[in-house]
C-alpha cells in the first residue's frame, strides 16, 4: 500500500492517484485490486510480489505495475513515482512492470 504522505504529496503535484484505502479495496484480495486498477486504467504501485506472481501466473492485463524492490523513504517513493509519471504515457505503461528504485 502507498503511505498517506506519499499519496498526498503526489496529489499536490497534480498526479491523479487513488489509494486502496480511498477506494475501499484495502482488505480485498490482490486480484480484486488489480481488477479495479484495470477498470479505472490505473497503474499499480506496490512492493508486494504477489502482484507479479498474479500477472505472470494468470497472464492478467494491467495498466502498469510500479514495483518497489525494497522499502524506501517517503521522499524517494514520491520522487520515483513522479519520475515515472513524467517519463511515461498511460499507453506506454500498459502491460509494463517497472522495478523501482532505479
N, C-alpha and C. Protein backbone atom coordinates (compact mmCIF):
# COMPACT_ATOMS: atom_id res chain seq x y z
N UNK A 1 0.84 -1.19 0.00
CA UNK A 1 0.00 0.00 0.00
C UNK A 1 0.87 1.24 0.00
N UNK A 2 0.32 2.32 -0.47
CA UNK A 2 1.04 3.59 -0.57
C UNK A 2 0.76 4.40 0.69
N UNK A 3 1.82 4.82 1.41
CA UNK A 3 1.61 5.64 2.60
C UNK A 3 0.83 6.91 2.29
N UNK A 4 0.03 7.35 3.22
CA UNK A 4 -0.80 8.54 3.06
C UNK A 4 0.04 9.76 2.68
N UNK A 5 1.21 9.90 3.29
CA UNK A 5 2.07 11.05 2.98
C UNK A 5 2.50 11.05 1.52
N UNK A 6 2.72 9.87 0.96
CA UNK A 6 3.11 9.77 -0.45
C UNK A 6 1.94 10.17 -1.34
N UNK A 7 0.76 9.63 -1.08
CA UNK A 7 -0.39 9.95 -1.93
C UNK A 7 -0.74 11.43 -1.84
N UNK A 8 -0.66 12.02 -0.64
CA UNK A 8 -0.95 13.45 -0.50
C UNK A 8 0.04 14.31 -1.28
N UNK A 9 1.32 13.96 -1.19
CA UNK A 9 2.35 14.73 -1.90
C UNK A 9 2.18 14.62 -3.41
N UNK A 10 1.86 13.42 -3.89
CA UNK A 10 1.66 13.24 -5.33
C UNK A 10 0.44 14.01 -5.82
N UNK A 11 -0.62 14.02 -5.03
CA UNK A 11 -1.82 14.79 -5.40
C UNK A 11 -1.50 16.28 -5.47
N UNK A 12 -0.69 16.77 -4.52
CA UNK A 12 -0.30 18.18 -4.54
C UNK A 12 0.49 18.53 -5.79
N UNK A 13 1.17 17.53 -6.35
CA UNK A 13 1.95 17.72 -7.57
C UNK A 13 1.12 17.48 -8.82
N UNK A 14 -0.18 17.30 -8.64
CA UNK A 14 -1.08 17.16 -9.78
C UNK A 14 -1.19 15.76 -10.35
N UNK A 15 -0.71 14.77 -9.61
CA UNK A 15 -0.77 13.39 -10.08
C UNK A 15 -2.04 12.74 -9.56
N UNK A 16 -2.81 12.16 -10.47
CA UNK A 16 -4.07 11.52 -10.13
C UNK A 16 -3.78 10.14 -9.54
N UNK A 17 -3.90 10.03 -8.23
CA UNK A 17 -3.62 8.78 -7.54
C UNK A 17 -4.83 8.40 -6.70
N UNK A 18 -5.14 7.12 -6.71
CA UNK A 18 -6.23 6.58 -5.90
C UNK A 18 -5.64 5.45 -5.06
N UNK A 19 -5.69 5.60 -3.75
CA UNK A 19 -5.16 4.54 -2.89
C UNK A 19 -6.23 3.47 -2.66
N UNK A 20 -5.78 2.30 -2.30
CA UNK A 20 -6.73 1.22 -1.99
C UNK A 20 -7.57 1.61 -0.77
N UNK A 21 -7.00 2.38 0.14
CA UNK A 21 -7.77 2.86 1.29
C UNK A 21 -8.93 3.73 0.82
N UNK A 22 -8.65 4.67 -0.08
CA UNK A 22 -9.67 5.59 -0.59
C UNK A 22 -10.75 4.86 -1.38
N UNK A 23 -10.36 3.82 -2.07
CA UNK A 23 -11.31 3.08 -2.90
C UNK A 23 -12.11 2.05 -2.12
N UNK A 24 -11.74 1.85 -0.84
CA UNK A 24 -12.42 0.84 -0.02
C UNK A 24 -11.98 -0.58 -0.35
N UNK A 25 -10.86 -0.72 -1.04
CA UNK A 25 -10.39 -2.03 -1.51
C UNK A 25 -9.22 -2.58 -0.70
N UNK A 26 -8.82 -1.89 0.36
CA UNK A 26 -7.62 -2.29 1.10
C UNK A 26 -7.68 -3.73 1.60
N UNK A 27 -8.84 -4.17 2.03
CA UNK A 27 -8.97 -5.53 2.58
C UNK A 27 -9.29 -6.57 1.51
N UNK A 28 -9.43 -6.15 0.26
CA UNK A 28 -9.75 -7.09 -0.82
C UNK A 28 -8.49 -7.81 -1.27
N UNK A 29 -8.67 -8.92 -1.96
CA UNK A 29 -7.51 -9.68 -2.44
C UNK A 29 -6.84 -8.96 -3.61
N UNK A 30 -5.63 -9.41 -3.92
CA UNK A 30 -4.83 -8.76 -4.96
C UNK A 30 -5.52 -8.77 -6.32
N UNK A 31 -6.19 -9.86 -6.65
CA UNK A 31 -6.86 -9.94 -7.94
C UNK A 31 -7.97 -8.90 -8.05
N UNK A 32 -8.71 -8.68 -6.97
CA UNK A 32 -9.77 -7.66 -6.95
C UNK A 32 -9.17 -6.27 -7.09
N UNK A 33 -8.06 -6.03 -6.42
CA UNK A 33 -7.40 -4.74 -6.51
C UNK A 33 -6.88 -4.50 -7.92
N UNK A 34 -6.30 -5.53 -8.52
CA UNK A 34 -5.80 -5.41 -9.89
C UNK A 34 -6.96 -5.18 -10.86
N UNK A 35 -8.09 -5.82 -10.62
CA UNK A 35 -9.27 -5.63 -11.47
C UNK A 35 -9.76 -4.19 -11.41
N UNK A 36 -9.77 -3.60 -10.21
CA UNK A 36 -10.17 -2.20 -10.08
C UNK A 36 -9.21 -1.30 -10.85
N UNK A 37 -7.92 -1.54 -10.70
CA UNK A 37 -6.93 -0.72 -11.41
C UNK A 37 -7.11 -0.85 -12.92
N UNK A 38 -7.39 -2.04 -13.39
CA UNK A 38 -7.61 -2.26 -14.82
C UNK A 38 -8.86 -1.52 -15.30
N UNK A 39 -9.93 -1.65 -14.53
CA UNK A 39 -11.19 -0.99 -14.88
C UNK A 39 -11.03 0.53 -14.95
N UNK A 40 -10.26 1.07 -14.02
CA UNK A 40 -10.06 2.53 -13.97
C UNK A 40 -8.83 3.00 -14.75
N UNK A 41 -8.17 2.06 -15.44
CA UNK A 41 -7.00 2.36 -16.26
C UNK A 41 -5.90 3.03 -15.44
N UNK A 42 -5.58 2.40 -14.32
CA UNK A 42 -4.56 2.92 -13.41
C UNK A 42 -3.41 1.93 -13.26
N UNK A 43 -2.22 2.47 -13.10
CA UNK A 43 -1.08 1.64 -12.77
C UNK A 43 -1.16 1.27 -11.29
N UNK A 44 -0.52 0.19 -10.92
CA UNK A 44 -0.48 -0.25 -9.53
C UNK A 44 0.92 0.04 -8.98
N UNK A 45 0.98 0.67 -7.82
CA UNK A 45 2.23 0.90 -7.12
C UNK A 45 2.25 -0.06 -5.94
N UNK A 46 3.29 -0.89 -5.87
CA UNK A 46 3.32 -1.91 -4.82
C UNK A 46 4.74 -2.36 -4.52
N UNK A 47 4.89 -3.00 -3.38
CA UNK A 47 6.12 -3.73 -3.06
C UNK A 47 5.77 -5.20 -2.77
N UNK A 48 4.53 -5.56 -3.04
CA UNK A 48 4.00 -6.90 -2.80
C UNK A 48 4.22 -7.75 -4.05
N UNK A 49 5.13 -8.72 -3.95
CA UNK A 49 5.43 -9.52 -5.14
C UNK A 49 4.30 -10.46 -5.54
N UNK A 50 3.24 -10.53 -4.74
CA UNK A 50 2.07 -11.31 -5.13
C UNK A 50 1.44 -10.77 -6.42
N UNK A 51 1.54 -9.46 -6.64
CA UNK A 51 1.01 -8.87 -7.88
C UNK A 51 1.79 -9.40 -9.08
N UNK A 52 3.11 -9.50 -8.93
CA UNK A 52 3.93 -10.02 -10.02
C UNK A 52 3.60 -11.47 -10.31
N UNK A 53 3.43 -12.25 -9.25
CA UNK A 53 3.07 -13.66 -9.41
C UNK A 53 1.71 -13.79 -10.08
N UNK A 54 0.78 -12.95 -9.69
CA UNK A 54 -0.58 -13.00 -10.23
C UNK A 54 -0.60 -12.71 -11.73
N UNK A 55 0.09 -11.67 -12.16
CA UNK A 55 0.06 -11.35 -13.58
C UNK A 55 0.85 -12.38 -14.39
N UNK A 56 1.90 -12.93 -13.81
CA UNK A 56 2.68 -13.95 -14.53
C UNK A 56 1.91 -15.26 -14.62
N UNK A 57 1.33 -15.69 -13.51
CA UNK A 57 0.64 -16.97 -13.45
C UNK A 57 -0.64 -16.97 -14.30
N UNK A 58 -1.41 -15.90 -14.19
CA UNK A 58 -2.71 -15.86 -14.85
C UNK A 58 -2.72 -15.04 -16.14
N UNK A 59 -1.58 -14.43 -16.45
CA UNK A 59 -1.50 -13.65 -17.67
C UNK A 59 -2.47 -12.49 -17.71
N UNK A 60 -2.70 -11.87 -16.57
CA UNK A 60 -3.69 -10.79 -16.49
C UNK A 60 -3.17 -9.50 -17.12
N UNK A 61 -4.07 -8.80 -17.76
CA UNK A 61 -3.75 -7.48 -18.32
C UNK A 61 -3.65 -6.47 -17.19
N UNK A 62 -2.88 -5.42 -17.43
CA UNK A 62 -2.78 -4.35 -16.44
C UNK A 62 -2.30 -3.09 -17.14
N UNK A 63 -2.44 -1.98 -16.44
CA UNK A 63 -2.03 -0.68 -16.97
C UNK A 63 -0.72 -0.22 -16.36
N UNK A 64 0.10 -1.17 -15.99
CA UNK A 64 1.42 -0.87 -15.44
C UNK A 64 1.53 -1.27 -13.99
N UNK A 65 2.68 -1.81 -13.65
CA UNK A 65 3.00 -2.14 -12.26
C UNK A 65 4.28 -1.40 -11.93
N UNK A 66 4.24 -0.56 -10.92
CA UNK A 66 5.43 0.10 -10.40
C UNK A 66 5.81 -0.67 -9.15
N UNK A 67 6.80 -1.54 -9.29
CA UNK A 67 7.15 -2.46 -8.22
C UNK A 67 8.40 -1.98 -7.49
N UNK A 68 8.23 -1.65 -6.22
CA UNK A 68 9.36 -1.24 -5.39
C UNK A 68 10.04 -2.50 -4.86
N UNK A 69 11.31 -2.69 -5.23
CA UNK A 69 12.05 -3.89 -4.86
C UNK A 69 12.50 -3.88 -3.41
N UNK A 70 12.43 -2.73 -2.79
CA UNK A 70 12.79 -2.62 -1.36
C UNK A 70 12.06 -1.41 -0.79
N UNK A 71 11.97 -1.38 0.51
CA UNK A 71 11.33 -0.23 1.17
C UNK A 71 12.27 0.96 1.06
N UNK A 72 11.70 2.10 0.71
CA UNK A 72 12.46 3.34 0.57
C UNK A 72 11.77 4.43 1.37
N UNK A 73 12.44 5.53 1.52
CA UNK A 73 11.87 6.65 2.27
C UNK A 73 10.66 7.21 1.52
N UNK A 74 9.85 7.96 2.24
CA UNK A 74 8.69 8.61 1.63
C UNK A 74 9.14 9.54 0.50
N UNK A 75 10.20 10.30 0.75
CA UNK A 75 10.71 11.22 -0.27
C UNK A 75 11.15 10.49 -1.53
N UNK A 76 11.84 9.38 -1.36
CA UNK A 76 12.29 8.59 -2.51
C UNK A 76 11.10 8.00 -3.25
N UNK A 77 10.10 7.53 -2.52
CA UNK A 77 8.89 6.99 -3.16
C UNK A 77 8.23 8.05 -4.02
N UNK A 78 8.08 9.25 -3.47
CA UNK A 78 7.46 10.35 -4.21
C UNK A 78 8.25 10.66 -5.47
N UNK A 79 9.57 10.78 -5.34
CA UNK A 79 10.42 11.10 -6.49
C UNK A 79 10.33 10.02 -7.57
N UNK A 80 10.39 8.77 -7.17
CA UNK A 80 10.36 7.67 -8.14
C UNK A 80 9.03 7.63 -8.90
N UNK A 81 7.94 7.75 -8.17
CA UNK A 81 6.62 7.71 -8.81
C UNK A 81 6.44 8.92 -9.72
N UNK A 82 6.86 10.09 -9.26
CA UNK A 82 6.74 11.29 -10.09
C UNK A 82 7.58 11.16 -11.36
N UNK A 83 8.77 10.60 -11.27
CA UNK A 83 9.62 10.42 -12.45
C UNK A 83 8.94 9.51 -13.48
N UNK A 84 8.31 8.45 -13.02
CA UNK A 84 7.58 7.56 -13.92
C UNK A 84 6.43 8.32 -14.56
N UNK A 85 5.71 9.09 -13.76
CA UNK A 85 4.58 9.88 -14.27
C UNK A 85 5.03 10.83 -15.38
N UNK A 86 6.18 11.45 -15.20
CA UNK A 86 6.69 12.41 -16.18
C UNK A 86 7.28 11.73 -17.42
N UNK A 87 7.80 10.53 -17.25
CA UNK A 87 8.54 9.87 -18.33
C UNK A 87 7.67 8.98 -19.23
N UNK A 88 6.54 8.51 -18.73
CA UNK A 88 5.72 7.54 -19.46
C UNK A 88 4.30 8.04 -19.64
N UNK A 89 3.75 7.75 -20.81
CA UNK A 89 2.32 7.99 -21.00
C UNK A 89 1.58 6.76 -20.48
N UNK A 90 0.27 6.90 -20.31
CA UNK A 90 -0.54 5.76 -19.86
C UNK A 90 -0.43 4.60 -20.85
N UNK A 91 -0.39 4.91 -22.13
CA UNK A 91 -0.28 3.86 -23.15
C UNK A 91 1.05 3.13 -23.06
N UNK A 92 2.11 3.87 -22.77
CA UNK A 92 3.44 3.26 -22.67
C UNK A 92 3.57 2.34 -21.47
N UNK A 93 2.79 2.58 -20.44
CA UNK A 93 2.86 1.74 -19.24
C UNK A 93 2.02 0.48 -19.35
N UNK A 94 1.13 0.42 -20.30
CA UNK A 94 0.23 -0.72 -20.42
C UNK A 94 1.02 -2.02 -20.57
N UNK A 95 0.80 -2.94 -19.63
CA UNK A 95 1.46 -4.24 -19.65
C UNK A 95 2.91 -4.24 -19.20
N UNK A 96 3.40 -3.10 -18.72
CA UNK A 96 4.82 -2.95 -18.34
C UNK A 96 4.97 -3.06 -16.82
N UNK A 97 6.03 -3.73 -16.39
CA UNK A 97 6.41 -3.75 -14.98
C UNK A 97 7.71 -2.98 -14.86
N UNK A 98 7.71 -1.96 -14.02
CA UNK A 98 8.93 -1.18 -13.74
C UNK A 98 9.42 -1.53 -12.34
N UNK A 99 10.69 -1.83 -12.23
CA UNK A 99 11.28 -2.14 -10.93
C UNK A 99 11.95 -0.89 -10.39
N UNK A 100 11.51 -0.46 -9.22
CA UNK A 100 11.98 0.77 -8.59
C UNK A 100 12.59 0.43 -7.22
N UNK A 101 13.49 1.23 -6.67
CA UNK A 101 14.06 2.42 -7.28
C UNK A 101 15.08 2.04 -8.36
N UNK A 102 15.30 3.01 -9.23
CA UNK A 102 16.23 2.77 -10.35
C UNK A 102 17.66 2.89 -9.87
